Amino acid sequence: MPEASSRPRWLLLLAVAGAVLALDQVSKRAIIATLLPYESAPLLPPLLFITYSYNTGAAFGFLPDAGTLFLILAVVIVVSMIFFYPRIRSNLTRVAAGLVIGGALGNAFDRVQYGHVVDFVHIVVPGIVSNVSNFADHAIVLGVLLITLQNWREERQEKRRKALAAHEDDNVTLPVLPDHGDEQSKN
């Protein structure tokens, strides 16, 4: 059982991961109940549609026959993040970990239940991209971006601290000694 002082951190993880997982699974169930596979409904045309599709691989159809590999990878990521979670100092990174864990679990549940991931958020930028994803994917991407941002901020702060420490070492003030040479020349 976690120490009392660490409970809020674990509750934050559970709240964020749980919210992502719930939103992801409820939204996918609504899509499955409402649309036929590959049926599309405009949401904000021509940029955003709800399109019910399957994905057996990773984002953008990468490695379409590697569903089991991605399921194992999701489990490894979730277990690793939970293991390292107590070492996370920043609340932003804790929230990001919850986003990644919730998203990974959402897609893992799909792979176990359906043999594929259910996608439905269809973003179209004419001539540039047409991608169908889900809330779990978006949570994972946002979580990774937040972790990257926080690491970058911490690296900048550490560099700044080191630079200030080095600068303080260079500016050591020495006591002013009397100039005895001037007194001797007067005599």
Protein backbone atom coordinates (compact mmCIF):
# COMPACT_ATOMS: atom_id res chain seq x y z
CA MET A 1 0.00 0.00 0.00
CA PRO A 2 1.40 3.44 -0.92
CA GLU A 3 2.41 5.83 1.82
CA ALA A 4 -0.20 8.44 2.74
CA SER A 5 1.92 11.21 1.18
CA SER A 6 2.04 9.41 -2.17
CA ARG A 7 -1.70 8.64 -2.35
CA PRO A 8 -2.63 11.89 -4.13
CA ARG A 9 -0.07 11.11 -6.85
CA TRP A 10 -1.53 7.63 -7.37
CA LEU A 11 -5.06 9.04 -7.31
CA LEU A 12 -4.05 11.50 -10.03
CA LEU A 13 -2.76 8.63 -12.18
CA LEU A 14 -5.92 6.59 -11.61
CA ALA A 15 -8.17 9.57 -12.34
CA VAL A 16 -6.45 10.56 -15.59
CA ALA A 17 -5.91 7.02 -16.90
CA GLY A 18 -9.42 6.01 -15.84
CA ALA A 19 -11.02 9.03 -17.51
CA VAL A 20 -9.13 8.41 -20.76
CA LEU A 21 -9.99 4.70 -20.71
CA ALA A 22 -13.68 5.38 -19.97
CA LEU A 23 -14.02 8.11 -22.62
CA ASP A 24 -12.25 5.93 -25.18
CA GLN A 25 -14.30 2.80 -24.54
CA VAL A 26 -17.67 4.56 -24.23
CA SER A 27 -17.07 6.52 -27.45
CA LYS A 28 -16.05 3.37 -29.34
CA ARG A 29 -19.13 1.49 -28.12
CA ALA A 30 -21.32 4.39 -29.27
CA ILE A 31 -19.70 4.32 -32.72
CA ILE A 32 -20.12 0.53 -33.02
CA ALA A 33 -23.78 0.83 -32.02
CA THR A 34 -24.48 3.75 -34.37
CA LEU A 35 -22.49 3.25 -37.58
CA LEU A 36 -21.75 0.36 -39.91
CA PRO A 37 -18.08 -0.45 -40.56
CA TYR A 38 -16.56 2.20 -42.85
CA GLU A 39 -19.70 4.33 -42.68
CA SER A 40 -18.98 8.03 -42.28
CA ALA A 41 -20.94 10.94 -40.86
CA PRO A 42 -19.89 14.59 -41.25
CA LEU A 43 -19.10 16.44 -38.04
CA LEU A 44 -17.30 19.58 -39.27
CA PRO A 45 -16.95 19.03 -43.02
CA PRO A 46 -14.63 19.12 -44.86
CA LEU A 47 -12.16 18.73 -41.96
CA LEU A 48 -13.75 16.38 -39.41
CA PHE A 49 -15.88 13.28 -39.86
CA ILE A 50 -16.92 10.35 -37.72
CA THR A 51 -15.87 7.27 -39.68
CA TYR A 52 -16.09 3.79 -38.17
CA SER A 53 -13.00 1.82 -39.19
CA TYR A 54 -10.70 -0.93 -37.94
CA ASN A 55 -6.96 -0.89 -37.50
CA THR A 56 -5.04 -4.12 -36.87
CA GLY A 57 -1.67 -2.38 -36.82
CA ALA A 58 -0.39 0.92 -35.51
CA ALA A 59 -1.11 4.51 -36.49
CA PHE A 60 -1.44 5.18 -40.22
CA GLY A 61 -1.83 1.42 -40.85
CA PHE A 62 1.81 0.74 -39.94
CA LEU A 63 2.54 -3.01 -39.56
CA PRO A 64 -1.05 -4.14 -40.21
CA ASP A 65 -0.44 -7.77 -39.17
CA ALA A 66 1.36 -7.02 -35.90
CA GLY A 67 -1.63 -6.66 -33.56
CA THR A 68 -0.20 -9.11 -31.02
CA LEU A 69 3.11 -7.24 -31.01
CA PHE A 70 1.30 -3.97 -30.28
CA LEU A 71 -0.73 -5.62 -27.51
CA ILE A 72 2.50 -6.85 -25.86
CA LEU A 73 4.09 -3.43 -26.37
CA ALA A 74 1.09 -1.74 -24.70
CA VAL A 75 1.41 -4.03 -21.67
CA VAL A 76 5.16 -3.35 -21.42
CA ILE A 77 4.59 0.42 -21.65
CA VAL A 78 1.86 0.39 -18.99
CA VAL A 79 3.89 -1.77 -16.58
CA SER A 80 7.04 0.34 -17.15
CA MET A 81 5.23 3.63 -16.60
CA ILE A 82 3.60 2.34 -13.41
CA PHE A 83 7.00 1.10 -12.18
CA PHE A 84 8.68 4.47 -12.83
CA TYR A 85 5.69 6.58 -11.77
CA PRO A 86 6.84 7.04 -8.13
CA ARG A 87 10.03 8.72 -9.44
CA ILE A 88 8.14 11.35 -11.43
CA ARG A 89 8.50 14.77 -9.79
CA SER A 90 6.33 16.93 -12.02
CA ASN A 91 2.53 16.94 -11.92
CA LEU A 92 2.52 17.67 -15.66
CA THR A 93 4.50 14.48 -16.28
CA ARG A 94 2.20 12.57 -13.92
CA VAL A 95 -0.82 13.69 -15.94
CA ALA A 96 1.03 12.80 -19.15
CA ALA A 97 1.76 9.31 -17.79
CA GLY A 98 -1.95 8.90 -17.05
CA LEU A 99 -2.80 9.93 -20.61
CA VAL A 100 -0.36 7.40 -22.09
CA ILE A 101 -1.44 4.59 -19.74
CA GLY A 102 -5.16 5.23 -20.33
CA GLY A 103 -4.67 5.38 -24.09
CA ALA A 104 -2.52 2.26 -24.20
CA LEU A 105 -5.08 0.36 -22.12
CA GLY A 106 -7.95 1.57 -24.33
CA ASN A 107 -6.32 0.26 -27.49
CA ALA A 108 -5.16 -2.93 -25.72
CA PHE A 109 -8.73 -3.65 -24.60
CA ASP A 110 -9.85 -3.29 -28.24
CA ARG A 111 -7.19 -5.73 -29.44
CA VAL A 112 -8.24 -8.30 -26.84
CA GLN A 113 -11.99 -7.83 -27.37
CA TYR A 114 -12.18 -7.30 -31.16
CA GLY A 115 -8.80 -8.38 -32.55
CA HIS A 116 -8.26 -4.82 -33.82
CA VAL A 117 -8.49 -1.22 -32.68
CA VAL A 118 -11.70 0.71 -33.35
CA ASP A 119 -11.02 4.10 -34.96
CA PHE A 120 -13.56 6.82 -35.72
CA VAL A 121 -12.08 10.34 -35.47
CA HIS A 122 -11.51 11.10 -39.15
CA ILE A 123 -9.42 14.23 -39.67
CA VAL A 124 -9.05 15.47 -43.24
CA VAL A 125 -6.74 18.24 -44.39
CA PRO A 126 -7.31 18.17 -48.16
CA GLY A 127 -4.17 17.38 -50.08
CA ILE A 128 -2.16 16.83 -46.87
CA VAL A 129 -3.65 14.16 -44.60
CA SER A 130 -6.66 11.93 -44.10
CA ASN A 131 -6.32 10.00 -40.85
CA VAL A 132 -8.79 7.98 -38.79
CA SER A 133 -7.87 7.57 -35.12
CA ASN A 134 -9.53 7.42 -31.69
CA PHE A 135 -9.41 9.13 -28.30
CA ALA A 136 -6.85 6.62 -26.99
CA ASP A 137 -4.48 7.53 -29.83
CA HIS A 138 -4.94 11.23 -29.11
CA ALA A 139 -4.29 10.71 -25.39
CA ILE A 140 -1.08 8.80 -26.13
CA VAL A 141 0.17 11.48 -28.52
CA LEU A 142 -0.71 14.29 -26.09
CA GLY A 143 0.94 12.40 -23.21
CA VAL A 144 4.15 11.85 -25.17
CA LEU A 145 4.20 15.53 -26.21
CA LEU A 146 3.73 16.66 -22.59
CA ILE A 147 6.51 14.33 -21.39
CA THR A 148 8.79 15.67 -24.12
CA LEU A 149 7.91 19.27 -23.22
CA GLN A 150 8.52 18.69 -19.51
CA ASN A 151 11.86 16.96 -20.17
CA TRP A 152 12.91 19.87 -22.39
CA ARG A 153 11.91 22.37 -19.67
CA GLU A 154 13.81 20.43 -17.00
CA GLU A 155 16.91 20.21 -19.21
CA ARG A 156 16.79 23.98 -19.81
CA GLN A 157 16.41 24.64 -16.08
CA GLU A 158 19.32 22.33 -15.29
CA LYS A 159 21.53 24.04 -17.90
CA ARG A 160 20.55 27.42 -16.46
CA ARG A 161 21.40 26.25 -12.92
CA LYS A 162 24.78 24.95 -14.07
CA ALA A 163 25.52 28.16 -15.97
CA LEU A 164 24.63 30.28 -12.94
CA ALA A 165 26.77 28.10 -10.68
CA ALA A 166 29.71 28.37 -13.08
CA HIS A 167 29.22 32.13 -13.36
CA GLU A 168 29.11 32.50 -9.57
CA ASP A 169 32.37 30.54 -9.33
CA ASP A 170 34.00 32.88 -11.88
CA ASN A 171 32.92 35.98 -9.96
CA VAL A 172 34.43 35.09 -6.63
CA THR A 173 35.21 38.37 -4.92
CA LEU A 174 38.63 38.48 -3.36
CA PRO A 175 39.45 40.76 -0.44
CA VAL A 176 41.10 44.03 -1.44
CA LEU A 177 44.64 44.15 -0.11
CA PRO A 178 46.41 47.45 0.55
CA ASP A 179 48.87 48.46 -2.14
CA HIS A 180 52.20 48.49 -0.28
CA GLY A 181 54.11 49.47 -3.38
CA ASP A 182 52.69 53.02 -3.34
CA GLU A 183 53.73 53.60 0.28
CA GLN A 184 57.31 52.56 -0.43
CA SER A 185 57.65 54.88 -3.42
CA LYS A 186 56.60 57.85 -1.27
CA ASN A 187 59.44 57.31 1.15
